Amino acid sequence: MKKFFNNMEERFVFPIGRRSWQILSLLGLIVLSLSVLYFVVNSTPTSRENVSVSKAEVIGDKVDTASTVVESKTAICSDQDYKIWLDTLKKDLPNSEWVKLGDSTEPYLEYVKDEYGSYIQDSEGNFQSYEKRDFTPNPMAIPNVLEAIYTSKGFDSSSYCEKIEIIKALHFLNKKTEKNFLEKEGIYYYGSGIAELPSTNLIILEKSFVLKTAIELSDKKISNLDDLNEAWRYIRYISTNSVSDKHVDLAITTIKAHSELKKKEYPSNKYFDIAEMVFNSNLKIEDLSSAIEDFNKEIAFYDTNDLYNSLRKFLKLYEEKVERAEEKKEMKRIEKSLHRTQSLTYAAGAFLAIVAIASILLLFSIQSLLKNHVGKKPE
């Protein structure tokens, strides 16, 4: 048995020179280092490739797969704050009715009923009655207009901040309206309109008029019912759809880019259709921004090839390309995950190899010491 182990040592372990084992140890360290580096590289975030749509793809209406490509604070409002804003509204409407809120009707008899709704009779069999007057509110009085809005929105007597926001919205609309039309009809249409649209506020109104000005290429004041209906078209759309400031800005950039063309084929009275298409896009705002920027660079070309249909195709193709890019991104993420697992496996193997080689080198050292010790023995 002893001879067997001695032969195994001489034939399989130590026939390879010590320098060779040192070289193998160095290679093990290199593999370990590369595995760690490989793991780090595959741990980085996976980004998506850039997307662009060419004019040829829009014309063909097909993707070319061969080419590469702050915490808010709760507001506290007082009755005095509300009165200040109410005075602002009074300055906007000095000739409107603020005092005569209504009048009582002519007196009439009201029969008395019990808790079950039956008429009550006296001891002589006559139905009991009493004289009553009703109050008829004046629909032309501004306080009644405001109260109708407050009631529709469920505000109570302490909802000062909410009421102030309503007055701010009305004040904004007043400034956008000719004085005569405002006091004669406008303020009453605004009151009923705000009451019907629960989400309408100053921010939505400002956004709507920015879009209106860009589309109509004019900031003229509302002077008649037709103007008001057109303005309310924008307000209603923005109020009932999820349209962000960024969406509005992107729609305006396209409309502006087209309006600045010297020769235009697409009619300006259909700009709202262009804006609506931008608003209805399923692209994320970052992708939509890139898409609109690319489209606007070639807007003269697309105008000659039906602007509306070109934008529709462009956004559809861009969305398709984004989906492809997202799929590639996900595949890269999965691939990196597999590479990380492989790198850990290689690193573990390299580490074990280094430990094994170190053990062998230690045996070499022991053997060398033993040989030296034996060689120095006196004969």
Protein backbone atom coordinates (compact mmCIF):
# COMPACT_ATOMS: atom_id res chain seq x y z
CA MET A 1 0.00 0.00 0.00
CA LYS A 2 2.85 2.40 0.89
CA LYS A 3 4.50 1.70 -2.43
CA PHE A 4 1.21 2.42 -4.23
CA PHE A 5 0.89 5.86 -2.68
CA ASN A 6 4.52 6.68 -3.40
CA ASN A 7 4.07 5.73 -7.04
CA MET A 8 0.84 7.82 -7.28
CA GLU A 9 2.67 10.84 -5.81
CA GLU A 10 5.56 10.55 -8.21
CA ARG A 11 3.45 9.83 -11.33
CA PHE A 12 0.34 12.06 -10.89
CA VAL A 13 1.04 14.88 -8.40
CA PHE A 14 4.64 15.90 -8.62
CA PRO A 15 5.61 15.04 -12.22
CA ILE A 16 4.33 18.54 -13.11
CA GLY A 17 6.92 21.04 -12.03
CA ARG A 18 6.30 23.65 -9.33
CA ARG A 19 6.53 26.45 -11.88
CA SER A 20 3.70 24.90 -13.83
CA TRP A 21 1.50 24.88 -10.74
CA GLN A 22 2.35 28.54 -10.14
CA ILE A 23 1.29 29.36 -13.69
CA LEU A 24 -1.97 27.46 -13.17
CA SER A 25 -2.51 29.43 -9.94
CA LEU A 26 -2.02 32.67 -11.85
CA LEU A 27 -4.53 31.55 -14.46
CA GLY A 28 -6.97 30.75 -11.65
CA LEU A 29 -6.60 34.28 -10.28
CA ILE A 30 -7.17 35.71 -13.75
CA VAL A 31 -10.34 33.63 -14.20
CA LEU A 32 -11.56 34.74 -10.75
CA SER A 33 -10.92 38.40 -11.58
CA LEU A 34 -12.63 38.14 -14.96
CA SER A 35 -15.61 36.37 -13.39
CA VAL A 36 -16.02 39.14 -10.83
CA LEU A 37 -15.73 41.76 -13.58
CA TYR A 38 -18.25 39.86 -15.72
CA PHE A 39 -20.66 39.75 -12.79
CA VAL A 40 -20.32 43.52 -12.25
CA VAL A 41 -20.89 44.27 -15.95
CA ASN A 42 -24.05 42.17 -16.00
CA SER A 43 -25.32 43.85 -12.83
CA THR A 44 -25.61 47.26 -14.55
CA PRO A 45 -29.12 48.55 -15.44
CA THR A 46 -30.40 47.46 -18.83
CA SER A 47 -31.18 50.42 -21.09
CA ARG A 48 -33.41 50.40 -24.14
CA GLU A 49 -32.12 51.23 -27.60
CA ASN A 50 -33.21 54.51 -29.21
CA VAL A 51 -36.25 54.44 -31.48
CA SER A 52 -36.83 56.45 -34.65
CA VAL A 53 -39.21 56.17 -37.59
CA SER A 54 -38.04 56.94 -41.12
CA LYS A 55 -40.02 58.59 -43.89
CA ALA A 56 -39.85 55.37 -45.90
CA GLU A 57 -41.50 53.48 -43.07
CA VAL A 58 -44.31 56.03 -42.84
CA ILE A 59 -44.94 55.83 -46.58
CA GLY A 60 -44.93 52.03 -46.47
CA ASP A 61 -46.83 51.99 -43.17
CA LYS A 62 -44.56 49.18 -42.00
CA VAL A 63 -41.63 48.86 -39.60
CA ASP A 64 -38.34 48.12 -41.37
CA THR A 65 -36.87 45.25 -39.31
CA ALA A 66 -33.81 44.92 -41.55
CA SER A 67 -32.34 48.32 -40.70
CA THR A 68 -30.71 49.10 -37.35
CA VAL A 69 -31.55 51.68 -35.66
CA VAL A 70 -42.73 67.68 -3.23
CA GLU A 71 -45.05 67.06 -0.37
CA SER A 72 -48.04 69.45 -0.56
CA LYS A 73 -49.28 71.33 2.50
CA THR A 74 -52.94 71.55 3.44
CA ALA A 75 -54.23 75.03 2.65
CA ILE A 76 -56.03 76.95 5.38
CA CYS A 77 -58.50 79.59 4.21
CA SER A 78 -60.63 81.95 6.24
CA ASP A 79 -63.87 83.80 5.71
CA GLN A 80 -61.82 86.97 5.22
CA ASP A 81 -59.82 85.34 2.38
CA TYR A 82 -63.08 84.35 0.73
CA LYS A 83 -64.46 87.92 1.01
CA ILE A 84 -61.31 89.32 -0.62
CA TRP A 85 -61.75 87.05 -3.63
CA LEU A 86 -65.46 87.78 -3.71
CA ASP A 87 -64.60 91.49 -3.97
CA THR A 88 -62.38 90.63 -6.95
CA LEU A 89 -65.36 89.01 -8.64
CA LYS A 90 -67.51 92.05 -7.88
CA LYS A 91 -64.93 94.25 -9.62
CA ASP A 92 -65.19 91.97 -12.68
CA LEU A 93 -69.01 92.31 -12.65
CA PRO A 94 -69.84 95.78 -11.31
CA ASN A 95 -73.11 96.02 -13.26
CA SER A 96 -74.41 92.58 -12.33
CA GLU A 97 -76.97 91.93 -9.59
CA TRP A 98 -75.45 91.34 -6.16
CA VAL A 99 -78.21 92.52 -3.80
CA LYS A 100 -81.66 91.35 -4.97
CA LEU A 101 -81.31 87.63 -4.36
CA GLY A 102 -84.98 86.86 -4.90
CA ASP A 103 -88.51 87.56 -3.67
CA SER A 104 -91.39 85.90 -1.89
CA THR A 105 -94.37 84.56 -3.78
CA GLU A 106 -97.95 85.58 -3.19
CA PRO A 107 -99.41 83.92 -0.07
CA TYR A 108 -101.29 80.66 -0.55
CA LEU A 109 -102.94 78.05 1.65
CA GLU A 110 -101.01 74.94 2.63
CA TYR A 111 -102.96 72.05 4.19
CA VAL A 112 -101.51 70.44 7.29
CA LYS A 113 -100.49 66.77 7.07
CA ASP A 114 -99.60 64.28 9.75
CA GLU A 115 -96.48 62.11 9.83
CA TYR A 116 -98.15 59.58 7.51
CA GLY A 117 -99.01 62.21 4.87
CA SER A 118 -102.71 62.35 5.64
CA TYR A 119 -104.54 65.65 5.90
CA ILE A 120 -105.46 66.69 9.45
CA GLN A 121 -109.03 67.72 10.28
CA ASP A 122 -110.26 69.88 13.15
CA SER A 123 -113.08 68.98 15.54
CA GLU A 124 -115.64 70.23 13.02
CA GLY A 125 -114.28 68.08 10.23
CA ASN A 126 -112.59 70.89 8.30
CA PHE A 127 -109.11 70.38 6.91
CA GLN A 128 -106.55 72.44 8.78
CA SER A 129 -104.50 74.90 6.71
CA TYR A 130 -102.14 77.81 7.08
CA GLU A 131 -100.94 80.69 4.92
CA LYS A 132 -97.56 80.17 3.30
CA ARG A 133 -95.10 82.09 1.09
CA ASP A 134 -92.26 80.58 -0.95
CA PHE A 135 -88.96 82.25 -1.77
CA THR A 136 -88.09 82.39 -5.47
CA PRO A 137 -84.35 82.97 -6.00
CA ASN A 138 -83.27 85.47 -8.63
CA PRO A 139 -81.36 83.46 -11.27
CA MET A 140 -79.60 86.64 -12.41
CA ALA A 141 -78.08 87.35 -8.98
CA ILE A 142 -74.38 86.41 -8.87
CA PRO A 143 -74.53 85.07 -5.28
CA ASN A 144 -77.20 82.62 -6.46
CA VAL A 145 -75.01 81.59 -9.38
CA LEU A 146 -72.15 80.91 -6.95
CA GLU A 147 -74.41 79.06 -4.54
CA ALA A 148 -75.62 76.79 -7.35
CA ILE A 149 -72.00 75.87 -8.12
CA TYR A 150 -71.21 75.26 -4.44
CA THR A 151 -74.29 73.07 -4.03
CA SER A 152 -73.45 70.99 -7.12
CA LYS A 153 -69.97 70.30 -5.73
CA GLY A 154 -71.14 69.57 -2.20
CA PHE A 155 -69.38 72.50 -0.50
CA ASP A 156 -70.52 73.45 2.99
CA SER A 157 -70.23 76.75 4.86
CA SER A 158 -66.65 75.99 5.94
CA SER A 159 -65.32 75.11 2.45
CA TYR A 160 -63.62 78.47 2.00
CA CYS A 161 -60.60 77.16 0.08
CA GLU A 162 -62.78 75.24 -2.38
CA LYS A 163 -65.04 78.25 -2.91
CA ILE A 164 -62.02 80.48 -3.51
CA GLU A 165 -60.82 78.09 -6.22
CA ILE A 166 -64.21 78.44 -7.94
CA ILE A 167 -63.97 82.24 -7.84
CA LYS A 168 -60.40 82.08 -9.20
CA ALA A 169 -61.66 80.01 -12.12
CA LEU A 170 -64.50 82.45 -12.81
CA HIS A 171 -62.11 85.40 -12.54
CA PHE A 172 -59.84 83.78 -15.11
CA LEU A 173 -62.77 83.26 -17.51
CA ASN A 174 -63.97 86.83 -16.94
CA LYS A 175 -60.61 88.17 -18.09
CA LYS A 176 -60.93 86.13 -21.27
CA THR A 177 -64.37 87.56 -22.10
CA GLU A 178 -65.63 90.85 -23.52
CA LYS A 179 -67.31 92.95 -20.83
CA ASN A 180 -70.73 93.30 -22.45
CA PHE A 181 -71.13 89.62 -23.28
CA LEU A 182 -69.76 88.61 -19.89
CA GLU A 183 -72.37 90.49 -17.84
CA LYS A 184 -75.21 89.80 -20.23
CA GLU A 185 -74.75 86.03 -20.76
CA GLY A 186 -71.21 84.81 -20.22
CA ILE A 187 -71.07 84.64 -16.44
CA TYR A 188 -74.25 82.54 -16.30
CA TYR A 189 -72.97 80.07 -18.89
CA TYR A 190 -69.69 79.86 -16.98
CA GLY A 191 -71.56 79.17 -13.75
CA SER A 192 -73.61 76.32 -15.22
CA GLY A 193 -70.60 74.95 -17.10
CA ILE A 194 -68.37 74.78 -14.01
CA ALA A 195 -71.22 73.19 -12.07
CA GLU A 196 -71.59 70.47 -14.73
CA LEU A 197 -67.87 69.67 -14.97
CA PRO A 198 -66.71 68.53 -11.50
CA SER A 199 -62.99 68.53 -12.34
CA THR A 200 -62.85 72.04 -13.81
CA ASN A 201 -60.37 74.29 -11.99
CA LEU A 202 -57.97 77.13 -12.71
CA ILE A 203 -55.18 74.82 -13.88
CA ILE A 204 -57.44 73.08 -16.40
CA LEU A 205 -58.76 76.42 -17.66
CA GLU A 206 -55.25 77.80 -18.15
CA LYS A 207 -54.22 74.64 -19.98
CA SER A 208 -57.33 74.78 -22.18
CA PHE A 209 -56.77 78.37 -23.24
CA VAL A 210 -53.09 77.77 -23.97
CA LEU A 211 -54.18 75.01 -26.34
CA LYS A 212 -56.99 77.16 -27.76
CA THR A 213 -54.61 80.03 -28.49
CA ALA A 214 -52.11 77.74 -30.21
CA ILE A 215 -54.75 76.03 -32.35
CA GLU A 216 -56.66 79.16 -33.32
CA LEU A 217 -53.43 81.15 -33.70
CA SER A 218 -55.16 83.95 -31.79
CA ASP A 219 -55.88 85.01 -28.22
CA LYS A 220 -59.00 87.04 -28.96
CA LYS A 221 -61.56 87.46 -26.20
CA ILE A 222 -64.87 85.61 -26.15
CA SER A 223 -67.54 87.99 -27.44
CA ASN A 224 -70.49 85.78 -28.39
CA LEU A 225 -72.06 82.39 -27.83
CA ASP A 226 -70.20 80.77 -30.72
CA ASP A 227 -66.86 81.86 -29.25
CA LEU A 228 -67.91 80.54 -25.87
CA ASN A 229 -68.98 77.16 -27.27
CA GLU A 230 -65.67 76.83 -29.09
CA ALA A 231 -63.73 77.68 -25.93
CA TRP A 232 -65.82 75.27 -23.89
CA ARG A 233 -64.95 72.54 -26.36
CA TYR A 234 -61.35 72.72 -25.19
CA ILE A 235 -62.31 73.05 -21.52
CA ARG A 236 -64.61 70.04 -21.67
CA TYR A 237 -62.02 67.90 -23.44
CA ILE A 238 -59.18 68.75 -21.03
CA SER A 239 -61.53 68.31 -18.03
CA THR A 240 -62.80 64.88 -19.05
CA ASN A 241 -59.55 63.42 -20.42
CA SER A 242 -56.21 62.74 -18.82
CA VAL A 243 -54.17 65.42 -20.58
CA SER A 244 -50.96 66.56 -18.90
CA ASP A 245 -49.11 69.84 -19.42
CA LYS A 246 -46.46 67.91 -21.34
CA HIS A 247 -49.06 66.49 -23.74
CA VAL A 248 -50.36 69.99 -24.39
CA ASP A 249 -46.83 71.29 -24.97
CA LEU A 250 -46.08 68.49 -27.44
CA ALA A 251 -49.29 69.08 -29.38
CA ILE A 252 -48.52 72.80 -29.53
CA THR A 253 -44.98 72.16 -30.86
CA THR A 254 -46.41 70.19 -33.79
CA ILE A 255 -49.09 72.78 -34.50
CA LYS A 256 -46.54 75.59 -34.29
CA ALA A 257 -44.07 73.76 -36.53
CA HIS A 258 -46.77 73.30 -39.15
CA SER A 259 -48.10 76.87 -38.89
CA GLU A 260 -44.59 78.21 -39.57
CA LEU A 261 -44.37 76.42 -42.93
CA LYS A 262 -44.43 78.81 -45.88
CA LYS A 263 -46.59 76.45 -47.93
CA LYS A 264 -49.16 74.37 -46.08
CA GLU A 265 -51.65 71.80 -47.32
CA TYR A 266 -53.25 70.71 -44.02
CA PRO A 267 -55.98 73.20 -42.96
CA SER A 268 -55.41 75.09 -39.71
CA ASN A 269 -59.07 74.67 -38.70
CA LYS A 270 -58.32 70.96 -38.14
CA TYR A 271 -55.45 71.49 -35.73
CA PHE A 272 -57.54 70.16 -32.86
CA ASP A 273 -57.57 66.73 -34.56
CA ILE A 274 -53.77 66.77 -34.52
CA ALA A 275 -53.74 67.70 -30.83
CA GLU A 276 -56.29 65.01 -30.01
CA MET A 277 -54.15 62.37 -31.70
CA VAL A 278 -51.17 63.39 -29.57
CA PHE A 279 -53.32 63.27 -26.42
CA ASN A 280 -54.64 59.80 -27.27
CA SER A 281 -51.22 58.26 -27.91
CA ASN A 282 -50.37 55.20 -25.79
CA LEU A 283 -46.69 56.12 -25.72
CA LYS A 284 -45.06 57.13 -22.47
CA ILE A 285 -44.36 60.83 -22.30
CA GLU A 286 -40.59 60.36 -22.78
CA ASP A 287 -41.13 58.26 -25.91
CA LEU A 288 -43.86 60.58 -27.15
CA SER A 289 -41.51 63.55 -26.78
CA SER A 290 -38.87 61.82 -28.90
CA ALA A 291 -41.47 60.77 -31.47
CA ILE A 292 -42.91 64.28 -31.85
CA GLU A 293 -39.44 65.77 -32.08
CA ASP A 294 -38.52 63.38 -34.91
CA PHE A 295 -41.85 63.97 -36.68
CA ASN A 296 -41.54 67.76 -36.51
CA LYS A 297 -38.10 67.65 -38.15
CA GLU A 298 -39.76 66.33 -41.34
CA ILE A 299 -43.12 68.04 -40.97
CA ALA A 300 -42.88 69.70 -44.38
CA PHE A 301 -42.57 66.28 -46.00
CA TYR A 302 -45.43 64.83 -43.96
CA ASP A 303 -47.63 67.82 -44.77
CA THR A 304 -47.39 67.02 -48.46
CA ASN A 305 -48.36 63.41 -47.68
CA ASP A 306 -51.48 64.11 -45.57
CA LEU A 307 -50.33 65.44 -42.19
CA TYR A 308 -53.05 63.76 -40.14
CA ASN A 309 -52.56 60.27 -41.59
CA SER A 310 -48.80 60.66 -41.54
CA LEU A 311 -48.86 61.47 -37.81
CA ARG A 312 -51.22 58.57 -37.18
CA LYS A 313 -48.91 56.14 -38.99
CA PHE A 314 -45.80 57.65 -37.42
CA LEU A 315 -47.08 57.26 -33.86
CA LYS A 316 -48.34 53.74 -34.58
CA LEU A 317 -44.99 52.67 -36.00
CA TYR A 318 -43.11 54.38 -33.22
CA GLU A 319 -45.20 52.53 -30.67
CA GLU A 320 -44.50 49.25 -32.45
CA LYS A 321 -40.79 49.97 -32.42
CA VAL A 322 -40.90 50.88 -28.74
CA GLU A 323 -42.56 47.53 -28.02
CA ARG A 324 -39.81 45.76 -29.95
CA ALA A 325 -37.15 47.73 -28.07
CA GLU A 326 -38.78 46.88 -24.75
CA GLU A 327 -38.79 43.20 -25.69
CA LYS A 328 -35.09 43.40 -26.54
CA LYS A 329 -34.45 45.19 -23.26
CA GLU A 330 -36.21 42.41 -21.36
CA MET A 331 -34.22 39.76 -23.23
CA LYS A 332 -30.98 41.58 -22.36
CA ARG A 333 -32.06 41.74 -18.73
CA ILE A 334 -32.70 37.98 -18.67
CA GLU A 335 -29.42 37.35 -20.51
CA LYS A 336 -27.52 39.43 -17.97
CA SER A 337 -29.13 37.48 -15.16
CA LEU A 338 -27.92 34.23 -16.72
CA HIS A 339 -24.45 35.71 -17.21
CA ARG A 340 -24.33 36.71 -13.57
CA THR A 341 -25.12 33.12 -12.60
CA GLN A 342 -22.40 31.85 -14.94
CA SER A 343 -19.87 34.34 -13.61
CA LEU A 344 -20.57 33.22 -10.04
CA THR A 345 -20.09 29.60 -11.13
CA TYR A 346 -16.78 30.43 -12.85
CA ALA A 347 -15.64 32.47 -9.85
CA ALA A 348 -16.44 29.60 -7.48
CA GLY A 349 -14.58 27.14 -9.74
CA ALA A 350 -11.59 29.45 -10.02
CA PHE A 351 -11.49 29.94 -6.26
CA LEU A 352 -11.59 26.20 -5.64
CA ALA A 353 -8.87 25.70 -8.24
CA ILE A 354 -6.68 28.30 -6.54
CA VAL A 355 -7.20 26.61 -3.18
CA ALA A 356 -6.33 23.24 -4.69
CA ILE A 357 -3.23 24.59 -6.44
CA ALA A 358 -2.16 26.39 -3.28
CA SER A 359 -2.44 23.10 -1.42
CA ILE A 360 -0.29 21.39 -4.05
CA LEU A 361 2.30 24.16 -3.88
CA LEU A 362 2.31 23.77 -0.11
CA LEU A 363 3.07 20.09 -0.61
CA PHE A 364 5.90 21.08 -2.96
CA SER A 365 7.33 23.28 -0.24
CA ILE A 366 7.02 20.51 2.34
CA GLN A 367 8.70 18.07 -0.05
CA SER A 368 11.50 20.51 -0.68
CA LEU A 369 12.05 21.05 3.03
CA LEU A 370 12.08 17.31 3.64
CA LYS A 371 14.62 16.74 0.86
CA ASN A 372 16.86 19.45 2.24
CA HIS A 373 16.53 18.01 5.71
CA VAL A 374 17.31 14.47 4.54
CA GLY A 375 20.20 15.70 2.38
CA LYS A 376 21.87 17.35 5.35
CA LYS A 377 21.77 14.16 7.49
CA PRO A 378 25.26 12.96 8.51
CA GLU A 379 26.18 9.67 6.96
